[in-house]
């Protein structure tokens, strides 16, 4: 899996989306906001992350329109 800064990932075990800040070999520095607005930063091994596909907002709106029909 090829990650770069700005990619959105998630722990394979679940949880909230994380933003990739930097990739250093097999270590990925991730950032995320806590429920109270606190910013968290953690270095995680690449093996525990999965890349989330970015959803284009236009595609998401099209899907919502189809659901309404």
N, C-alpha and C. Protein backbone atom coordinates (compact mmCIF):
# COMPACT_ATOMS: atom_id res chain seq x y z
N UNK A 1 0.86 -1.17 0.00
CA UNK A 1 0.00 0.00 0.00
C UNK A 1 0.90 1.23 0.00
N UNK A 2 0.62 2.14 -0.89
CA UNK A 2 1.41 3.37 -1.02
C UNK A 2 0.62 4.53 -0.42
N UNK A 3 1.14 5.11 0.65
CA UNK A 3 0.48 6.24 1.29
C UNK A 3 1.33 7.49 1.15
N UNK A 4 0.64 8.64 1.18
CA UNK A 4 1.34 9.93 1.14
C UNK A 4 0.62 10.89 2.08
N UNK A 5 1.29 11.97 2.42
CA UNK A 5 0.69 12.98 3.29
C UNK A 5 -0.64 13.44 2.70
N UNK A 6 -1.64 13.54 3.56
CA UNK A 6 -2.97 13.96 3.14
C UNK A 6 -3.94 12.82 2.90
N UNK A 7 -3.43 11.59 2.76
CA UNK A 7 -4.32 10.44 2.57
C UNK A 7 -5.12 10.20 3.85
N UNK A 8 -6.29 9.60 3.68
CA UNK A 8 -7.16 9.25 4.80
C UNK A 8 -7.06 7.74 5.01
N UNK A 9 -6.79 7.34 6.25
CA UNK A 9 -6.65 5.93 6.59
C UNK A 9 -7.50 5.63 7.82
N UNK A 10 -7.60 4.36 8.13
CA UNK A 10 -8.31 3.93 9.33
C UNK A 10 -7.59 2.69 9.86
N UNK A 11 -7.64 2.51 11.15
CA UNK A 11 -7.11 1.28 11.73
C UNK A 11 -7.90 0.10 11.18
N UNK A 12 -7.24 -0.98 10.87
CA UNK A 12 -7.92 -2.18 10.38
C UNK A 12 -8.93 -2.69 11.40
N UNK A 13 -8.69 -2.41 12.66
CA UNK A 13 -9.60 -2.85 13.72
C UNK A 13 -10.79 -1.91 13.90
N UNK A 14 -10.82 -0.80 13.15
CA UNK A 14 -11.94 0.12 13.22
C UNK A 14 -11.54 1.44 13.85
N UNK A 15 -12.54 2.26 14.13
CA UNK A 15 -12.29 3.57 14.72
C UNK A 15 -12.61 4.67 13.75
N UNK A 16 -12.07 5.84 14.01
CA UNK A 16 -12.37 7.00 13.17
C UNK A 16 -11.29 7.19 12.11
N UNK A 17 -11.61 7.94 11.07
CA UNK A 17 -10.61 8.22 10.03
C UNK A 17 -9.45 9.03 10.58
N UNK A 18 -8.26 8.74 10.06
CA UNK A 18 -7.02 9.41 10.45
C UNK A 18 -6.41 10.04 9.19
N UNK A 19 -5.76 11.17 9.34
CA UNK A 19 -5.08 11.82 8.22
C UNK A 19 -3.59 11.54 8.30
N UNK A 20 -3.02 11.10 7.19
CA UNK A 20 -1.58 10.85 7.13
C UNK A 20 -0.85 12.18 7.08
N UNK A 21 0.06 12.40 8.03
CA UNK A 21 0.88 13.61 8.05
C UNK A 21 2.22 13.36 7.38
N UNK A 22 2.76 12.16 7.58
CA UNK A 22 4.08 11.84 7.03
C UNK A 22 4.27 10.33 7.03
N UNK A 23 5.01 9.84 6.05
CA UNK A 23 5.34 8.41 5.98
C UNK A 23 6.86 8.28 6.06
N UNK A 24 7.31 7.46 7.01
CA UNK A 24 8.74 7.21 7.19
C UNK A 24 8.97 5.71 7.15
N UNK A 25 9.22 5.19 5.97
CA UNK A 25 9.40 3.74 5.82
C UNK A 25 8.11 3.02 6.12
N UNK A 26 8.13 2.15 7.13
CA UNK A 26 6.93 1.40 7.53
C UNK A 26 6.17 2.08 8.66
N UNK A 27 6.58 3.28 9.04
CA UNK A 27 5.90 4.05 10.08
C UNK A 27 5.12 5.19 9.46
N UNK A 28 3.90 5.39 9.94
CA UNK A 28 3.03 6.43 9.40
C UNK A 28 2.63 7.35 10.55
N UNK A 29 2.91 8.63 10.40
CA UNK A 29 2.49 9.61 11.40
C UNK A 29 1.10 10.07 11.02
N UNK A 30 0.15 9.86 11.94
CA UNK A 30 -1.25 10.17 11.68
C UNK A 30 -1.76 11.25 12.62
N UNK A 31 -2.69 12.05 12.14
CA UNK A 31 -3.35 13.09 12.92
C UNK A 31 -4.85 12.85 12.88
N UNK A 32 -5.53 13.22 13.97
CA UNK A 32 -6.99 13.18 14.00
C UNK A 32 -7.49 14.08 15.11
N UNK A 33 -8.75 14.46 14.99
CA UNK A 33 -9.39 15.31 15.99
C UNK A 33 -10.22 14.43 16.92
N UNK A 34 -10.07 14.67 18.22
CA UNK A 34 -10.88 13.97 19.20
C UNK A 34 -12.28 14.56 19.25
N UNK A 35 -13.16 13.92 20.00
CA UNK A 35 -14.55 14.36 20.07
C UNK A 35 -14.70 15.74 20.70
N UNK A 36 -13.72 16.15 21.52
CA UNK A 36 -13.79 17.46 22.16
C UNK A 36 -12.94 18.50 21.43
N UNK A 37 -12.49 18.16 20.21
CA UNK A 37 -11.72 19.10 19.41
C UNK A 37 -10.23 19.07 19.64
N UNK A 38 -9.75 18.13 20.44
CA UNK A 38 -8.31 18.00 20.69
C UNK A 38 -7.65 17.36 19.47
N UNK A 39 -6.46 17.85 19.12
CA UNK A 39 -5.69 17.29 18.02
C UNK A 39 -4.74 16.21 18.56
N UNK A 40 -4.80 15.03 17.96
CA UNK A 40 -3.95 13.92 18.35
C UNK A 40 -2.99 13.59 17.23
N UNK A 41 -1.80 13.11 17.61
CA UNK A 41 -0.76 12.73 16.65
C UNK A 41 -0.13 11.44 17.17
N UNK A 42 -0.03 10.46 16.31
CA UNK A 42 0.53 9.17 16.72
C UNK A 42 1.26 8.54 15.55
N UNK A 43 2.37 7.87 15.84
CA UNK A 43 3.08 7.10 14.83
C UNK A 43 2.59 5.66 14.90
N UNK A 44 2.13 5.15 13.76
CA UNK A 44 1.55 3.81 13.70
C UNK A 44 2.26 2.99 12.62
N UNK A 45 2.37 1.68 12.81
CA UNK A 45 2.96 0.84 11.77
C UNK A 45 2.00 0.72 10.57
N UNK A 46 2.57 0.73 9.39
CA UNK A 46 1.79 0.62 8.16
C UNK A 46 0.87 -0.61 8.17
N UNK A 47 1.32 -1.69 8.79
CA UNK A 47 0.59 -2.96 8.78
C UNK A 47 -0.79 -2.87 9.46
N UNK A 48 -1.01 -1.88 10.33
CA UNK A 48 -2.29 -1.81 11.05
C UNK A 48 -3.29 -0.86 10.39
N UNK A 49 -2.90 -0.26 9.25
CA UNK A 49 -3.75 0.74 8.61
C UNK A 49 -4.31 0.25 7.28
N UNK A 50 -5.48 0.77 6.95
CA UNK A 50 -6.04 0.54 5.62
C UNK A 50 -6.40 1.89 5.01
N UNK A 51 -6.15 2.03 3.72
CA UNK A 51 -6.41 3.28 3.01
C UNK A 51 -7.90 3.39 2.74
N UNK A 52 -8.49 4.52 3.05
CA UNK A 52 -9.90 4.74 2.76
C UNK A 52 -10.03 5.44 1.42
N UNK A 53 -10.93 4.98 0.61
CA UNK A 53 -11.18 5.61 -0.68
C UNK A 53 -11.88 6.93 -0.44
N UNK A 54 -11.39 7.97 -1.08
CA UNK A 54 -12.03 9.27 -0.95
C UNK A 54 -13.31 9.27 -1.78
N UNK A 55 -14.38 9.77 -1.19
CA UNK A 55 -15.66 9.85 -1.90
C UNK A 55 -15.79 11.25 -2.47
N UNK A 56 -15.98 11.33 -3.78
CA UNK A 56 -16.18 12.62 -4.43
C UNK A 56 -17.56 13.14 -4.01
N UNK A 57 -17.63 14.38 -3.55
CA UNK A 57 -18.88 14.94 -3.06
C UNK A 57 -19.97 14.91 -4.12
N UNK A 58 -19.62 15.11 -5.40
CA UNK A 58 -20.61 15.06 -6.47
C UNK A 58 -21.19 13.66 -6.59
N UNK A 59 -20.33 12.63 -6.48
CA UNK A 59 -20.81 11.25 -6.55
C UNK A 59 -21.73 10.95 -5.38
N UNK A 60 -21.39 11.44 -4.19
CA UNK A 60 -22.19 11.21 -3.00
C UNK A 60 -23.57 11.83 -3.17
N UNK A 61 -23.64 13.05 -3.73
CA UNK A 61 -24.92 13.71 -3.97
C UNK A 61 -25.74 12.93 -4.98
N UNK A 62 -25.09 12.39 -6.04
CA UNK A 62 -25.79 11.59 -7.04
C UNK A 62 -26.41 10.35 -6.41
N UNK A 63 -25.67 9.70 -5.49
CA UNK A 63 -26.19 8.52 -4.81
C UNK A 63 -27.39 8.89 -3.95
N UNK A 64 -27.35 10.04 -3.29
CA UNK A 64 -28.47 10.49 -2.48
C UNK A 64 -29.68 10.74 -3.35
N UNK A 65 -29.48 11.32 -4.52
CA UNK A 65 -30.59 11.58 -5.43
C UNK A 65 -31.23 10.28 -5.89
N UNK A 66 -30.43 9.25 -6.14
CA UNK A 66 -30.95 7.96 -6.56
C UNK A 66 -31.77 7.31 -5.45
N UNK A 67 -31.34 7.48 -4.21
CA UNK A 67 -32.04 6.90 -3.08
C UNK A 67 -33.43 7.51 -2.92
N UNK A 68 -33.57 8.80 -3.27
CA UNK A 68 -34.82 9.50 -3.09
C UNK A 68 -35.88 9.07 -4.10
N UNK A 69 -35.44 8.51 -5.26
CA UNK A 69 -36.38 8.14 -6.31
C UNK A 69 -37.14 6.89 -6.01
